Amino acid sequence: MVRIPFFQRLHLGCVMRNYLPLAMVIIASAFPLAVAWLRNDYITDDAYITLTYVKNIVSGRGFVFNHPPPVLGTTTPLFTLVIAALAWLSSVRIPFLAVLVSALCWSGTIWLFYLFREAWQIREWHASIIGLVLAASGFVTSLGMEAYLFA
């Protein structure tokens, strides 16, 4: 059995105490991105309403579902415009963009608790545990929709 000297063990304990909460937040925020990467084609039917608006905006038909007449049928105009702008600027598939933006917002929610912990008077450990809970309780079926943008 290898024995670690007392001062090295003490240093290792300080490192774990100082960096473990941050490592937990990094791992928690990587989870939504991994889910988005692995399940990027799993989109529910409600998201396709928004994606139809995005497709029509990008193709130049305007903010319409079926043309004519123009009808506002999306409940998420901000999310629609964000995805449309990204789709117009890139050549990435529109459904994947929607899933990616949702996953980034999901990760951003986790980071909000960690970054604003002092302003909200939350301890670092508590903020990292909240991040783990947010990562674990996220709904994969909400990827591609606006839920995490407004969380």
N, C-alpha and C. Protein backbone atom coordinates (compact mmCIF):
# COMPACT_ATOMS: atom_id res chain seq x y z
N MET A 1 0.84 -1.17 0.00
CA MET A 1 0.00 0.00 0.00
C MET A 1 0.88 1.23 0.00
N VAL A 2 0.58 2.17 -0.87
CA VAL A 2 1.35 3.40 -0.99
C VAL A 2 0.82 4.40 0.02
N ARG A 3 1.72 4.97 0.78
CA ARG A 3 1.31 5.98 1.77
C ARG A 3 1.63 7.36 1.22
N ILE A 4 0.66 8.23 1.29
CA ILE A 4 0.85 9.61 0.86
C ILE A 4 1.20 10.44 2.08
N PRO A 5 2.28 11.22 2.01
CA PRO A 5 2.65 12.06 3.16
C PRO A 5 1.52 13.02 3.53
N PHE A 6 1.51 13.41 4.80
CA PHE A 6 0.43 14.24 5.35
C PHE A 6 0.25 15.54 4.56
N PHE A 7 1.33 16.24 4.24
CA PHE A 7 1.22 17.54 3.56
C PHE A 7 0.68 17.38 2.14
N GLN A 8 1.01 16.29 1.47
CA GLN A 8 0.44 16.06 0.14
C GLN A 8 -1.05 15.75 0.24
N ARG A 9 -1.44 15.00 1.27
CA ARG A 9 -2.87 14.72 1.46
C ARG A 9 -3.61 16.01 1.77
N LEU A 10 -3.03 16.86 2.58
CA LEU A 10 -3.64 18.14 2.92
C LEU A 10 -3.82 19.00 1.67
N HIS A 11 -2.80 19.03 0.81
CA HIS A 11 -2.89 19.79 -0.43
C HIS A 11 -3.97 19.21 -1.35
N LEU A 12 -4.05 17.89 -1.44
CA LEU A 12 -5.05 17.25 -2.27
C LEU A 12 -6.46 17.58 -1.77
N GLY A 13 -6.64 17.62 -0.46
CA GLY A 13 -7.93 17.98 0.12
C GLY A 13 -8.32 19.41 -0.23
N CYS A 14 -7.35 20.32 -0.22
CA CYS A 14 -7.63 21.72 -0.58
C CYS A 14 -8.00 21.84 -2.05
N VAL A 15 -7.31 21.10 -2.90
CA VAL A 15 -7.62 21.13 -4.33
C VAL A 15 -9.03 20.61 -4.56
N MET A 16 -9.37 19.49 -3.91
CA MET A 16 -10.71 18.94 -4.07
C MET A 16 -11.76 19.92 -3.57
N ARG A 17 -11.51 20.54 -2.44
CA ARG A 17 -12.47 21.47 -1.86
C ARG A 17 -12.63 22.71 -2.72
N ASN A 18 -11.55 23.16 -3.37
CA ASN A 18 -11.60 24.38 -4.15
C ASN A 18 -12.12 24.18 -5.56
N TYR A 19 -11.82 23.06 -6.17
CA TYR A 19 -12.14 22.88 -7.58
C TYR A 19 -13.27 21.88 -7.86
N LEU A 20 -13.67 21.10 -6.90
CA LEU A 20 -14.71 20.12 -7.14
C LEU A 20 -16.06 20.76 -7.50
N PRO A 21 -16.50 21.82 -6.82
CA PRO A 21 -17.76 22.44 -7.24
C PRO A 21 -17.73 22.94 -8.69
N LEU A 22 -16.63 23.53 -9.09
CA LEU A 22 -16.50 24.00 -10.47
C LEU A 22 -16.51 22.82 -11.44
N ALA A 23 -15.83 21.75 -11.09
CA ALA A 23 -15.82 20.56 -11.94
C ALA A 23 -17.22 19.97 -12.06
N MET A 24 -17.98 20.01 -10.98
CA MET A 24 -19.36 19.52 -11.02
C MET A 24 -20.21 20.35 -11.97
N VAL A 25 -20.02 21.66 -11.96
CA VAL A 25 -20.79 22.53 -12.86
C VAL A 25 -20.38 22.30 -14.31
N ILE A 26 -19.10 22.11 -14.55
CA ILE A 26 -18.64 21.84 -15.93
C ILE A 26 -19.24 20.53 -16.44
N ILE A 27 -19.23 19.51 -15.62
CA ILE A 27 -19.81 18.23 -16.03
C ILE A 27 -21.32 18.35 -16.22
N ALA A 28 -21.98 19.04 -15.30
CA ALA A 28 -23.43 19.22 -15.42
C ALA A 28 -23.80 19.99 -16.67
N SER A 29 -23.02 21.00 -17.01
CA SER A 29 -23.36 21.81 -18.19
C SER A 29 -22.96 21.11 -19.49
N ALA A 30 -22.11 20.11 -19.41
CA ALA A 30 -21.77 19.34 -20.61
C ALA A 30 -22.85 18.32 -20.94
N PHE A 31 -23.63 17.93 -19.94
CA PHE A 31 -24.67 16.93 -20.16
C PHE A 31 -25.71 17.37 -21.20
N PRO A 32 -26.29 18.58 -21.12
CA PRO A 32 -27.26 18.97 -22.16
C PRO A 32 -26.66 18.99 -23.56
N LEU A 33 -25.40 19.39 -23.67
CA LEU A 33 -24.76 19.42 -24.98
C LEU A 33 -24.56 18.01 -25.53
N ALA A 34 -24.21 17.07 -24.65
CA ALA A 34 -24.05 15.68 -25.08
C ALA A 34 -25.39 15.09 -25.51
N VAL A 35 -26.44 15.41 -24.75
CA VAL A 35 -27.77 14.92 -25.12
C VAL A 35 -28.19 15.50 -26.46
N ALA A 36 -27.92 16.79 -26.67
CA ALA A 36 -28.28 17.42 -27.95
C ALA A 36 -27.51 16.80 -29.10
N TRP A 37 -26.26 16.47 -28.86
CA TRP A 37 -25.45 15.88 -29.93
C TRP A 37 -25.94 14.46 -30.27
N LEU A 38 -26.29 13.70 -29.25
CA LEU A 38 -26.69 12.31 -29.47
C LEU A 38 -28.14 12.18 -29.93
N ARG A 39 -29.00 13.12 -29.53
CA ARG A 39 -30.42 13.01 -29.85
C ARG A 39 -30.90 14.22 -30.63
N ASN A 40 -30.11 14.67 -31.59
CA ASN A 40 -30.44 15.92 -32.28
C ASN A 40 -31.60 15.81 -33.25
N ASP A 41 -32.03 14.63 -33.59
CA ASP A 41 -33.19 14.49 -34.48
C ASP A 41 -34.46 14.16 -33.73
N TYR A 42 -34.39 14.09 -32.43
CA TYR A 42 -35.58 13.77 -31.63
C TYR A 42 -36.28 15.08 -31.27
N ILE A 43 -37.26 15.45 -32.08
CA ILE A 43 -38.00 16.69 -31.88
C ILE A 43 -39.48 16.34 -31.83
N THR A 44 -40.17 16.95 -30.89
CA THR A 44 -41.60 16.69 -30.77
C THR A 44 -42.38 17.48 -31.81
N ASP A 45 -43.64 17.16 -31.94
CA ASP A 45 -44.44 17.78 -32.99
C ASP A 45 -44.65 19.27 -32.79
N ASP A 46 -44.70 19.75 -31.55
CA ASP A 46 -44.88 21.19 -31.32
C ASP A 46 -43.72 22.01 -31.88
N ALA A 47 -42.53 21.45 -31.81
CA ALA A 47 -41.37 22.18 -32.32
C ALA A 47 -41.44 22.37 -33.82
N TYR A 48 -42.10 21.48 -34.52
CA TYR A 48 -42.17 21.60 -35.97
C TYR A 48 -43.00 22.79 -36.42
N ILE A 49 -43.91 23.28 -35.58
CA ILE A 49 -44.63 24.51 -35.91
C ILE A 49 -43.64 25.66 -36.00
N THR A 50 -42.80 25.79 -34.98
CA THR A 50 -41.78 26.84 -34.98
C THR A 50 -40.81 26.65 -36.13
N LEU A 51 -40.40 25.42 -36.38
CA LEU A 51 -39.43 25.17 -37.45
C LEU A 51 -40.01 25.45 -38.83
N THR A 52 -41.33 25.31 -38.99
CA THR A 52 -41.96 25.68 -40.26
C THR A 52 -41.89 27.19 -40.47
N TYR A 53 -42.12 27.95 -39.41
CA TYR A 53 -41.96 29.40 -39.49
C TYR A 53 -40.53 29.76 -39.84
N VAL A 54 -39.57 29.10 -39.19
CA VAL A 54 -38.15 29.35 -39.47
C VAL A 54 -37.84 29.07 -40.93
N LYS A 55 -38.30 27.94 -41.43
CA LYS A 55 -38.05 27.57 -42.83
C LYS A 55 -38.62 28.63 -43.78
N ASN A 56 -39.81 29.12 -43.49
CA ASN A 56 -40.42 30.14 -44.35
C ASN A 56 -39.69 31.48 -44.25
N ILE A 57 -39.21 31.85 -43.09
CA ILE A 57 -38.45 33.10 -42.94
C ILE A 57 -37.15 33.01 -43.73
N VAL A 58 -36.44 31.90 -43.57
CA VAL A 58 -35.15 31.73 -44.23
C VAL A 58 -35.30 31.68 -45.75
N SER A 59 -36.40 31.10 -46.23
CA SER A 59 -36.60 31.01 -47.68
C SER A 59 -37.19 32.29 -48.28
N GLY A 60 -37.47 33.29 -47.42
CA GLY A 60 -37.92 34.58 -47.93
C GLY A 60 -39.43 34.74 -48.01
N ARG A 61 -40.20 33.82 -47.49
CA ARG A 61 -41.66 33.92 -47.55
C ARG A 61 -42.23 34.77 -46.42
N GLY A 62 -41.42 35.08 -45.43
CA GLY A 62 -41.87 35.90 -44.32
C GLY A 62 -42.28 35.08 -43.10
N PHE A 63 -42.80 35.77 -42.12
CA PHE A 63 -43.18 35.17 -40.84
C PHE A 63 -44.57 34.54 -40.99
N VAL A 64 -44.66 33.47 -41.76
CA VAL A 64 -45.94 32.81 -42.03
C VAL A 64 -45.79 31.31 -41.82
N PHE A 65 -46.92 30.65 -41.52
CA PHE A 65 -46.92 29.19 -41.43
C PHE A 65 -47.23 28.60 -42.80
N ASN A 66 -48.37 28.93 -43.31
CA ASN A 66 -48.73 28.60 -44.69
C ASN A 66 -49.00 29.92 -45.40
N HIS A 67 -48.63 30.04 -46.60
CA HIS A 67 -48.74 31.32 -47.28
C HIS A 67 -49.74 31.22 -48.42
N PRO A 68 -50.49 32.20 -48.70
CA PRO A 68 -51.07 33.19 -47.82
C PRO A 68 -52.24 32.57 -47.07
N PRO A 69 -52.83 33.13 -46.15
CA PRO A 69 -52.58 34.42 -45.53
C PRO A 69 -51.58 34.26 -44.38
N PRO A 70 -50.93 35.34 -44.01
CA PRO A 70 -50.03 35.27 -42.85
C PRO A 70 -50.83 35.15 -41.55
N VAL A 71 -50.49 34.15 -40.75
CA VAL A 71 -51.17 33.91 -39.48
C VAL A 71 -50.10 33.68 -38.42
N LEU A 72 -50.24 34.34 -37.29
CA LEU A 72 -49.28 34.12 -36.19
C LEU A 72 -49.74 32.91 -35.41
N GLY A 73 -49.09 31.80 -35.61
CA GLY A 73 -49.47 30.56 -34.96
C GLY A 73 -48.39 30.04 -34.04
N THR A 74 -47.28 30.72 -33.96
CA THR A 74 -46.22 30.29 -33.06
C THR A 74 -46.34 31.04 -31.75
N THR A 75 -46.08 30.35 -30.68
CA THR A 75 -46.11 30.98 -29.36
C THR A 75 -44.72 31.48 -28.96
N THR A 76 -43.75 31.31 -29.84
CA THR A 76 -42.37 31.64 -29.51
C THR A 76 -41.71 32.48 -30.60
N PRO A 77 -42.18 33.70 -30.82
CA PRO A 77 -41.58 34.49 -31.90
C PRO A 77 -40.10 34.80 -31.69
N LEU A 78 -39.66 35.02 -30.45
CA LEU A 78 -38.23 35.30 -30.21
C LEU A 78 -37.38 34.10 -30.57
N PHE A 79 -37.75 32.93 -30.10
CA PHE A 79 -37.01 31.71 -30.42
C PHE A 79 -37.01 31.46 -31.92
N THR A 80 -38.14 31.70 -32.56
CA THR A 80 -38.25 31.54 -34.01
C THR A 80 -37.27 32.44 -34.75
N LEU A 81 -37.20 33.69 -34.34
CA LEU A 81 -36.30 34.65 -35.00
C LEU A 81 -34.84 34.33 -34.73
N VAL A 82 -34.52 33.85 -33.54
CA VAL A 82 -33.14 33.46 -33.23
C VAL A 82 -32.70 32.30 -34.11
N ILE A 83 -33.54 31.28 -34.22
CA ILE A 83 -33.20 30.12 -35.05
C ILE A 83 -33.14 30.52 -36.51
N ALA A 84 -34.06 31.38 -36.95
CA ALA A 84 -34.05 31.83 -38.35
C ALA A 84 -32.77 32.60 -38.67
N ALA A 85 -32.34 33.46 -37.75
CA ALA A 85 -31.10 34.21 -37.98
C ALA A 85 -29.90 33.27 -38.06
N LEU A 86 -29.84 32.30 -37.17
CA LEU A 86 -28.73 31.35 -37.20
C LEU A 86 -28.77 30.48 -38.45
N ALA A 87 -29.98 30.08 -38.86
CA ALA A 87 -30.10 29.27 -40.08
C ALA A 87 -29.71 30.07 -41.31
N TRP A 88 -30.04 31.35 -41.30
CA TRP A 88 -29.69 32.21 -42.44
C TRP A 88 -28.19 32.42 -42.53
N LEU A 89 -27.54 32.50 -41.36
CA LEU A 89 -26.09 32.74 -41.31
C LEU A 89 -25.26 31.48 -41.53
N SER A 90 -25.85 30.32 -41.33
CA SER A 90 -25.06 29.09 -41.42
C SER A 90 -25.73 28.11 -42.37
N SER A 91 -25.04 27.02 -42.60
CA SER A 91 -25.59 25.98 -43.45
C SER A 91 -25.99 24.75 -42.64
N VAL A 92 -26.12 24.94 -41.34
CA VAL A 92 -26.48 23.83 -40.45
C VAL A 92 -27.98 23.57 -40.58
N ARG A 93 -28.37 22.31 -40.47
CA ARG A 93 -29.78 21.95 -40.56
C ARG A 93 -30.60 22.67 -39.49
N ILE A 94 -31.78 23.13 -39.84
CA ILE A 94 -32.62 23.91 -38.94
C ILE A 94 -33.01 23.12 -37.68
N PRO A 95 -33.44 21.87 -37.77
CA PRO A 95 -33.76 21.14 -36.53
C PRO A 95 -32.57 21.02 -35.58
N PHE A 96 -31.39 20.78 -36.14
CA PHE A 96 -30.21 20.68 -35.28
C PHE A 96 -29.91 22.02 -34.60
N LEU A 97 -30.08 23.13 -35.32
CA LEU A 97 -29.89 24.45 -34.71
C LEU A 97 -30.84 24.66 -33.54
N ALA A 98 -32.09 24.27 -33.72
CA ALA A 98 -33.07 24.44 -32.65
C ALA A 98 -32.69 23.63 -31.43
N VAL A 99 -32.26 22.39 -31.65
CA VAL A 99 -31.85 21.54 -30.54
C VAL A 99 -30.60 22.10 -29.87
N LEU A 100 -29.65 22.59 -30.67
CA LEU A 100 -28.41 23.14 -30.12
C LEU A 100 -28.66 24.39 -29.30
N VAL A 101 -29.49 25.29 -29.79
CA VAL A 101 -29.81 26.51 -29.03
C VAL A 101 -30.52 26.15 -27.73
N SER A 102 -31.42 25.19 -27.77
CA SER A 102 -32.10 24.74 -26.54
C SER A 102 -31.09 24.17 -25.54
N ALA A 103 -30.16 23.37 -26.02
CA ALA A 103 -29.16 22.77 -25.14
C ALA A 103 -28.22 23.83 -24.57
N LEU A 104 -27.86 24.82 -25.37
CA LEU A 104 -27.01 25.91 -24.86
C LEU A 104 -27.75 26.71 -23.79
N CYS A 105 -29.02 26.94 -23.98
CA CYS A 105 -29.81 27.65 -22.96
C CYS A 105 -29.95 26.81 -21.70
N TRP A 106 -30.09 25.50 -21.85
CA TRP A 106 -30.15 24.58 -20.71
C TRP A 106 -28.84 24.64 -19.93
N SER A 107 -27.71 24.61 -20.64
CA SER A 107 -26.41 24.74 -19.99
C SER A 107 -26.23 26.11 -19.36
N GLY A 108 -26.72 27.13 -20.04
CA GLY A 108 -26.63 28.49 -19.51
C GLY A 108 -27.38 28.65 -18.21
N THR A 109 -28.50 27.98 -18.06
CA THR A 109 -29.26 28.03 -16.81
C THR A 109 -28.44 27.45 -15.67
N ILE A 110 -27.72 26.38 -15.95
CA ILE A 110 -26.84 25.78 -14.93
C ILE A 110 -25.75 26.77 -14.52
N TRP A 111 -25.14 27.42 -15.51
CA TRP A 111 -24.06 28.36 -15.22
C TRP A 111 -24.57 29.61 -14.50
N LEU A 112 -25.81 30.00 -14.74
CA LEU A 112 -26.36 31.18 -14.06
C LEU A 112 -26.30 31.03 -12.55
N PHE A 113 -26.68 29.87 -12.06
CA PHE A 113 -26.65 29.67 -10.61
C PHE A 113 -25.24 29.71 -10.07
N TYR A 114 -24.29 29.18 -10.83
CA TYR A 114 -22.91 29.19 -10.35
C TYR A 114 -22.31 30.58 -10.42
N LEU A 115 -22.53 31.30 -11.49
CA LEU A 115 -21.91 32.61 -11.67
C LEU A 115 -22.53 33.69 -10.78
N PHE A 116 -23.82 33.57 -10.49
CA PHE A 116 -24.49 34.59 -9.67
C PHE A 116 -24.69 34.14 -8.23
N ARG A 117 -23.94 33.13 -7.81
CA ARG A 117 -24.13 32.58 -6.47
C ARG A 117 -23.88 33.59 -5.36
N GLU A 118 -22.91 34.47 -5.54
CA GLU A 118 -22.63 35.46 -4.51
C GLU A 118 -23.72 36.52 -4.44
N ALA A 119 -24.20 36.96 -5.59
CA ALA A 119 -25.27 37.96 -5.60
C ALA A 119 -26.55 37.39 -5.00
N TRP A 120 -26.77 36.10 -5.20
CA TRP A 120 -27.97 35.45 -4.67
C TRP A 120 -27.73 34.83 -3.30
N GLN A 121 -26.53 35.01 -2.77
CA GLN A 121 -26.12 34.49 -1.47
C GLN A 121 -26.29 32.97 -1.37
N ILE A 122 -25.75 32.31 -2.39
CA ILE A 122 -25.75 30.85 -2.43
C ILE A 122 -24.30 30.39 -2.29
N ARG A 123 -24.05 29.39 -1.47
CA ARG A 123 -22.70 28.85 -1.35
C ARG A 123 -22.30 28.14 -2.63
N GLU A 124 -21.00 28.04 -2.85
CA GLU A 124 -20.50 27.43 -4.07
C GLU A 124 -20.96 25.98 -4.21
N TRP A 125 -20.92 25.24 -3.12
CA TRP A 125 -21.37 23.85 -3.16
C TRP A 125 -22.84 23.76 -3.51
N HIS A 126 -23.63 24.66 -2.93
CA HIS A 126 -25.07 24.63 -3.20
C HIS A 126 -25.35 24.96 -4.66
N ALA A 127 -24.62 25.92 -5.21
CA ALA A 127 -24.80 26.28 -6.62
C ALA A 127 -24.44 25.12 -7.53
N SER A 128 -23.38 24.38 -7.18
CA SER A 128 -23.00 23.25 -8.02
C SER A 128 -24.01 22.11 -7.91
N ILE A 129 -24.58 21.91 -6.75
CA ILE A 129 -25.60 20.87 -6.59
C ILE A 129 -26.87 21.27 -7.34
N ILE A 130 -27.23 22.56 -7.30
CA ILE A 130 -28.36 23.03 -8.09
C ILE A 130 -28.11 22.78 -9.57
N GLY A 131 -26.88 23.00 -10.02
CA GLY A 131 -26.53 22.73 -11.40
C GLY A 131 -26.70 21.27 -11.77
N LEU A 132 -26.30 20.36 -10.87
CA LEU A 132 -26.48 18.93 -11.12
C LEU A 132 -27.96 18.56 -11.18
N VAL A 133 -28.74 19.16 -10.30
CA VAL A 133 -30.18 18.88 -10.30
C VAL A 133 -30.82 19.40 -11.59
N LEU A 134 -30.42 20.60 -12.02
CA LEU A 134 -30.96 21.14 -13.28
C LEU A 134 -30.59 20.27 -14.47
N ALA A 135 -29.37 19.76 -14.47
CA ALA A 135 -28.96 18.89 -15.58
C ALA A 135 -29.74 17.58 -15.55
N ALA A 136 -29.95 17.03 -14.36
CA ALA A 136 -30.63 15.75 -14.25
C ALA A 136 -32.13 15.86 -14.47
N SER A 137 -32.71 17.02 -14.18
CA SER A 137 -34.16 17.14 -14.28
C SER A 137 -34.62 17.77 -15.59
N GLY A 138 -33.71 18.04 -16.49
CA GLY A 138 -34.10 18.62 -17.77
C GLY A 138 -34.88 17.65 -18.61
N PHE A 139 -35.74 18.18 -19.42
CA PHE A 139 -36.57 17.34 -20.27
C PHE A 139 -35.96 17.26 -21.65
N VAL A 140 -35.53 16.09 -22.03
CA VAL A 140 -34.94 15.87 -23.34
C VAL A 140 -35.97 16.16 -24.43
N THR A 141 -37.24 15.91 -24.12
CA THR A 141 -38.28 16.15 -25.11
C THR A 141 -38.49 17.64 -25.37
N SER A 142 -37.94 18.50 -24.52
CA SER A 142 -38.07 19.94 -24.74
C SER A 142 -36.97 20.50 -25.63
N LEU A 143 -36.00 19.69 -25.99
CA LEU A 143 -34.96 20.17 -26.89
C LEU A 143 -35.58 20.49 -28.24
N GLY A 144 -35.16 21.59 -28.80
CA GLY A 144 -35.73 22.04 -30.06
C GLY A 144 -36.88 23.00 -29.85
N MET A 145 -37.21 23.24 -28.59
CA MET A 145 -38.29 24.17 -28.26
C MET A 145 -37.73 25.30 -27.41
N GLU A 146 -38.58 26.22 -27.05
CA GLU A 146 -38.15 27.46 -26.40
C GLU A 146 -38.02 27.37 -24.89
N ALA A 147 -38.33 26.25 -24.28
CA ALA A 147 -38.44 26.16 -22.82
C ALA A 147 -37.20 26.66 -22.11
N TYR A 148 -36.03 26.30 -22.57
CA TYR A 148 -34.81 26.66 -21.86
C TYR A 148 -34.37 28.09 -22.16
N LEU A 149 -34.85 28.67 -23.24
CA LEU A 149 -34.54 30.06 -23.52
C LEU A 149 -35.15 30.98 -22.48
N PHE A 150 -36.30 30.60 -21.97
CA PHE A 150 -37.03 31.44 -21.02
C PHE A 150 -36.91 30.94 -19.59
N ALA A 151 -36.08 29.94 -19.33
CA ALA A 151 -35.96 29.39 -17.99
C ALA A 151 -35.32 30.35 -17.03
